[in-house]
C-alpha cells in the first residue's frame, strides 16, 4: 500500500499513525465497544471543565479512571495530576499519556489528601459511587488539596434520571444527588457555588429537576 496521501495536508497524519497510533484505556475501550455514543457525553463533560479552568497552572483530577478526557483539559492548563485508587489503571495511563503534561498517583480521596495544593480540581462521575458516610471525607480532602482561592468542579448524574439508567449504572450509583441536594452539599464547603445542568452534550442553566447530569462549581474553600 502506498504511503503517499492523495491530499498533501494529510500526509503527516498517515505517517504519525504508522509510527504510534493513540490507544484507549480499558474503561473507554469497553464503552467504545458497548455504547460508543456515550463517549460524546463524556468528552462534553471534560470540555466544560476545560472551559472553566483554562489558564490554571496546576489542576487535580479526582477519580481519573483511564484518563480518557484528561487530554482535553491538559490542552488549556499548565498540568493535571490524576488520582485514582486503582493501580492497574494508573500504570497504563502513564504509558499511554507519557507525552502529555500530566502525572498520576494512586490515592483514595476518601481516606487522604495529596500533599501538594492545586489551583483547581475536578471530579466527574465519582461522587455517586462514594458511600454517604464517606462523603464528608471526600469534600474535606479535596479542600485540603486546593489553594485559598481554589476552584472545584463536581459532576454527577441527577437522581431524577435514575429510572432511565442501565442496570449496570444503578448497581454502582449508591449516592445520587438532586440539583438542590448538590447545591446544599457544596455550599457547606465553598463560599461561592454555581450550578449547571446537562442534557446529552449540552450544558445549560435550565430547570434542575429536568437535567440528566449536574455540575456544581465551587470557589474559595471554607476552612474546617
Protein backbone atom coordinates (compact mmCIF):
# COMPACT_ATOMS: atom_id res chain seq x y z
CA UNK A 1 0.00 0.00 0.00
CA UNK A 2 1.34 3.43 -0.97
CA UNK A 3 2.09 5.77 1.95
CA UNK A 4 1.70 8.87 -0.22
CA UNK A 5 -1.56 10.62 0.60
CA UNK A 6 -3.66 11.98 -2.26
CA UNK A 7 -4.10 15.20 -0.27
CA UNK A 8 -0.67 16.51 0.87
CA UNK A 9 -2.04 18.16 4.01
CA UNK A 10 -2.95 14.69 5.29
CA UNK A 11 0.50 13.13 4.77
CA UNK A 12 1.75 13.77 8.31
CA UNK A 13 -1.36 12.14 9.78
CA UNK A 14 -0.67 8.86 7.97
CA UNK A 15 2.99 8.97 8.93
CA UNK A 16 2.29 9.65 12.60
CA UNK A 17 -0.37 6.95 12.69
CA UNK A 18 2.03 4.33 11.33
CA UNK A 19 4.61 5.27 13.98
CA UNK A 20 2.39 5.40 17.05
CA UNK A 21 -1.40 5.27 17.00
CA UNK A 22 -3.28 6.54 20.05
CA UNK A 23 -4.82 3.89 22.31
CA UNK A 24 -7.88 3.99 24.53
CA UNK A 25 -7.77 2.84 28.15
CA UNK A 26 -9.62 -0.25 29.45
CA UNK A 27 -12.76 1.57 30.61
CA UNK A 28 -13.04 3.69 27.48
CA UNK A 29 -12.39 0.75 25.18
CA UNK A 30 -15.29 -1.07 26.80
CA UNK A 31 -17.59 1.92 26.28
CA UNK A 32 -16.46 2.28 22.65
CA UNK A 33 -17.44 -1.35 22.04
CA UNK A 34 -20.69 -1.36 24.00
CA UNK A 35 -22.07 2.20 23.80
CA UNK A 36 -19.91 4.49 21.63
CA UNK A 37 -22.47 7.30 21.71
CA UNK A 38 -21.80 7.64 25.44
CA UNK A 39 -18.26 8.82 24.75
CA UNK A 40 -19.59 12.06 23.25
CA UNK A 41 -21.31 12.80 26.56
CA UNK A 42 -18.11 12.12 28.50
CA UNK A 43 -16.00 14.34 26.26
CA UNK A 44 -18.51 17.18 26.63
CA UNK A 45 -18.13 16.98 30.41
CA UNK A 46 -14.37 17.33 30.13
CA UNK A 47 -14.77 20.17 27.67
CA UNK A 48 -16.88 22.02 30.25
CA UNK A 49 -14.11 21.58 32.83
CA UNK A 50 -11.51 22.77 30.33
CA UNK A 51 -13.54 25.90 29.55
CA UNK A 52 -13.98 26.70 33.24
CA UNK A 53 -10.35 26.07 34.20
CA UNK A 54 -8.47 27.42 31.19
CA UNK A 55 -5.23 29.10 32.18
CA UNK A 56 -4.87 27.42 35.59
CA UNK A 57 -1.29 26.39 36.32
CA UNK A 58 -1.97 23.21 38.30
CA UNK A 59 -5.16 21.13 38.28
CA UNK A 60 -6.16 17.98 40.14
CA UNK A 61 -8.46 15.30 38.71
CA UNK A 62 -10.06 13.12 41.39
CA UNK A 63 -11.07 9.68 40.18
CA UNK A 64 -9.38 9.97 36.79
CA UNK A 65 -10.03 6.36 35.74
CA UNK A 66 -8.27 5.63 32.47
CA UNK A 67 -7.89 9.38 31.85
CA UNK A 68 -9.88 9.39 28.62
CA UNK A 69 -10.84 13.06 28.93
CA UNK A 70 -7.72 14.37 30.62
CA UNK A 71 -6.03 15.50 27.35
CA UNK A 72 -8.99 17.84 26.77
CA UNK A 73 -8.06 19.63 29.99
CA UNK A 74 -4.27 19.45 29.61
CA UNK A 75 -4.69 21.31 26.33
CA UNK A 76 -5.54 24.53 28.20
CA UNK A 77 -3.92 24.27 31.66
CA UNK A 78 -0.35 24.03 32.89
CA UNK A 79 -0.60 20.44 34.06
CA UNK A 80 -3.06 17.90 35.51
CA UNK A 81 -2.35 15.48 38.36
CA UNK A 82 -4.69 12.48 38.28
CA UNK A 83 -5.76 10.47 41.32
CA UNK A 84 -7.42 7.06 41.39
CA UNK A 85 -7.47 4.15 43.81
CA UNK A 86 -7.00 1.53 41.05
CA UNK A 87 -3.25 0.87 40.43
CA UNK A 88 -3.89 -1.11 37.24
CA UNK A 89 -5.34 1.98 35.57
CA UNK A 90 -2.60 4.39 36.53
CA UNK A 91 0.30 2.30 35.29
CA UNK A 92 -1.43 2.06 31.91
CA UNK A 93 -2.20 5.81 31.98
CA UNK A 94 1.46 6.66 32.49
CA UNK A 95 2.40 4.69 29.38
CA UNK A 96 -0.38 5.97 27.12
CA UNK A 97 -0.15 9.62 28.21
CA UNK A 98 3.60 9.89 28.73
CA UNK A 99 3.87 12.78 26.26
CA UNK A 100 1.10 14.81 27.92
CA UNK A 101 1.56 17.35 30.71
CA UNK A 102 0.07 15.06 33.35
CA UNK A 103 1.08 12.87 36.27
CA UNK A 104 -0.71 10.15 38.23
CA UNK A 105 -0.92 8.95 41.82
CA UNK A 106 -2.66 6.02 43.49
CA UNK A 107 -4.76 7.58 46.24
CA UNK A 108 -8.22 7.16 47.78
CA UNK A 109 -9.54 10.70 48.30
CA UNK A 110 -12.00 9.48 50.98
CA UNK A 111 -9.02 8.46 53.14
CA UNK A 112 -6.30 11.03 52.45
CA UNK A 113 -5.40 14.16 50.51
CA UNK A 114 -2.38 14.66 48.26
CA UNK A 115 0.38 16.65 49.92
CA UNK A 116 0.50 19.24 47.14
CA UNK A 117 -2.01 22.07 46.73
CA UNK A 118 -3.60 22.91 43.38
CA UNK A 119 -5.24 25.95 41.78
CA UNK A 120 -8.27 23.89 40.80
CA UNK A 121 -9.74 20.39 40.92
CA UNK A 122 -12.48 18.49 39.16
CA UNK A 123 -14.19 15.18 39.84
CA UNK A 124 -16.54 13.66 37.27
CA UNK A 125 -18.74 10.60 37.82
CA UNK A 126 -17.17 9.87 41.21
CA UNK A 127 -19.43 11.29 43.94
CA UNK A 128 -22.31 8.93 43.12
CA UNK A 129 -20.03 5.95 43.87
CA UNK A 130 -18.98 7.18 47.33
CA UNK A 131 -20.88 5.87 50.38
CA UNK A 132 -22.79 8.57 52.20
CA UNK A 133 -20.73 8.07 55.36
CA UNK A 134 -17.52 8.82 53.40
CA UNK A 135 -18.83 11.90 51.62
CA UNK A 136 -17.55 14.42 54.19
CA UNK A 137 -14.04 12.95 53.88
CA UNK A 138 -14.28 13.30 50.10
CA UNK A 139 -15.09 17.01 50.28
CA UNK A 140 -12.69 17.80 53.12
CA UNK A 141 -9.72 16.12 51.46
CA UNK A 142 -10.47 17.92 48.20
CA UNK A 143 -10.50 21.24 50.08
CA UNK A 144 -7.12 20.39 51.63
CA UNK A 145 -5.82 19.94 48.08
CA UNK A 146 -6.82 23.45 47.00
CA UNK A 147 -5.35 26.90 47.49
CA UNK A 148 -7.44 29.50 49.35
CA UNK A 149 -8.84 30.79 46.06
CA UNK A 150 -9.14 27.31 44.52
CA UNK A 151 -11.95 26.16 42.24
CA UNK A 152 -13.65 22.77 42.40
CA UNK A 153 -15.96 21.27 39.76
CA UNK A 154 -18.05 18.21 40.59
CA UNK A 155 -20.17 16.39 38.03
CA UNK A 156 -22.68 13.66 38.84
CA UNK A 157 -25.89 12.14 37.42
CA UNK A 158 -29.15 13.65 38.61
CA UNK A 159 -31.20 11.40 40.89
CA UNK A 160 -34.29 12.32 38.85
CA UNK A 161 -32.77 10.47 35.88
CA UNK A 162 -32.11 7.26 37.81
CA UNK A 163 -35.15 5.47 36.38
CA UNK A 164 -33.62 5.79 32.91
CA UNK A 165 -30.21 4.43 33.93
CA UNK A 166 -28.92 1.00 32.97
CA UNK A 167 -28.85 -1.83 35.50
CA UNK A 168 -25.04 -1.64 35.48
CA UNK A 169 -25.15 2.06 36.42
CA UNK A 170 -27.71 1.54 39.15
CA UNK A 171 -25.50 -1.02 40.87
CA UNK A 172 -22.65 1.45 41.25
CA UNK A 173 -24.63 4.66 41.84
CA UNK A 174 -25.15 4.50 45.59
CA UNK A 175 -25.14 8.22 46.38
CA UNK A 176 -27.10 10.15 43.77
CA UNK A 177 -27.99 13.82 44.27
CA UNK A 178 -30.74 16.15 43.17
CA UNK A 179 -29.96 19.64 41.89
CA UNK A 180 -30.94 21.10 45.28
CA UNK A 181 -29.02 18.47 47.27
CA UNK A 182 -25.80 19.01 45.33
CA UNK A 183 -26.02 22.78 45.79
CA UNK A 184 -26.63 22.35 49.54
CA UNK A 185 -23.67 19.98 49.90
CA UNK A 186 -21.33 22.28 48.00
CA UNK A 187 -22.50 25.32 50.00
CA UNK A 188 -21.17 23.61 53.13
CA UNK A 189 -17.67 23.59 51.71
CA UNK A 190 -17.31 26.55 49.31
CA UNK A 191 -18.01 30.26 49.67
CA UNK A 192 -19.46 30.54 46.15
CA UNK A 193 -21.38 27.81 44.30
CA UNK A 194 -22.63 27.96 40.71
CA UNK A 195 -24.98 25.28 39.38
CA UNK A 196 -25.28 23.96 35.82
CA UNK A 197 -27.46 21.34 34.19
CA UNK A 198 -26.55 18.99 31.35
CA UNK A 199 -28.62 17.02 28.86
CA UNK A 200 -26.69 14.90 26.34
CA UNK A 201 -23.73 17.11 25.31
CA UNK A 202 -25.41 20.42 26.16
CA UNK A 203 -24.55 22.27 29.40
CA UNK A 204 -27.04 24.95 30.43
CA UNK A 205 -28.63 26.73 33.40
CA UNK A 206 -32.10 25.34 32.84
CA UNK A 207 -34.55 23.71 35.22
CA UNK A 208 -32.54 21.46 37.54
CA UNK A 209 -35.01 18.57 38.01
CA UNK A 210 -35.12 18.00 34.25
CA UNK A 211 -31.35 17.69 33.88
CA UNK A 212 -29.85 14.27 33.25
CA UNK A 213 -26.48 15.36 34.68
CA UNK A 214 -25.45 18.03 37.18
CA UNK A 215 -22.42 20.27 37.56
CA UNK A 216 -21.55 22.36 40.59
CA UNK A 217 -18.66 24.83 40.53
CA UNK A 218 -17.38 25.92 43.93
CA UNK A 219 -14.80 28.63 44.67
CA UNK A 220 -12.91 29.72 47.78
CA UNK A 221 -12.95 26.64 50.04
CA UNK A 222 -14.39 27.13 53.53
CA UNK A 223 -11.91 26.12 56.22
CA UNK A 224 -12.81 23.29 58.55
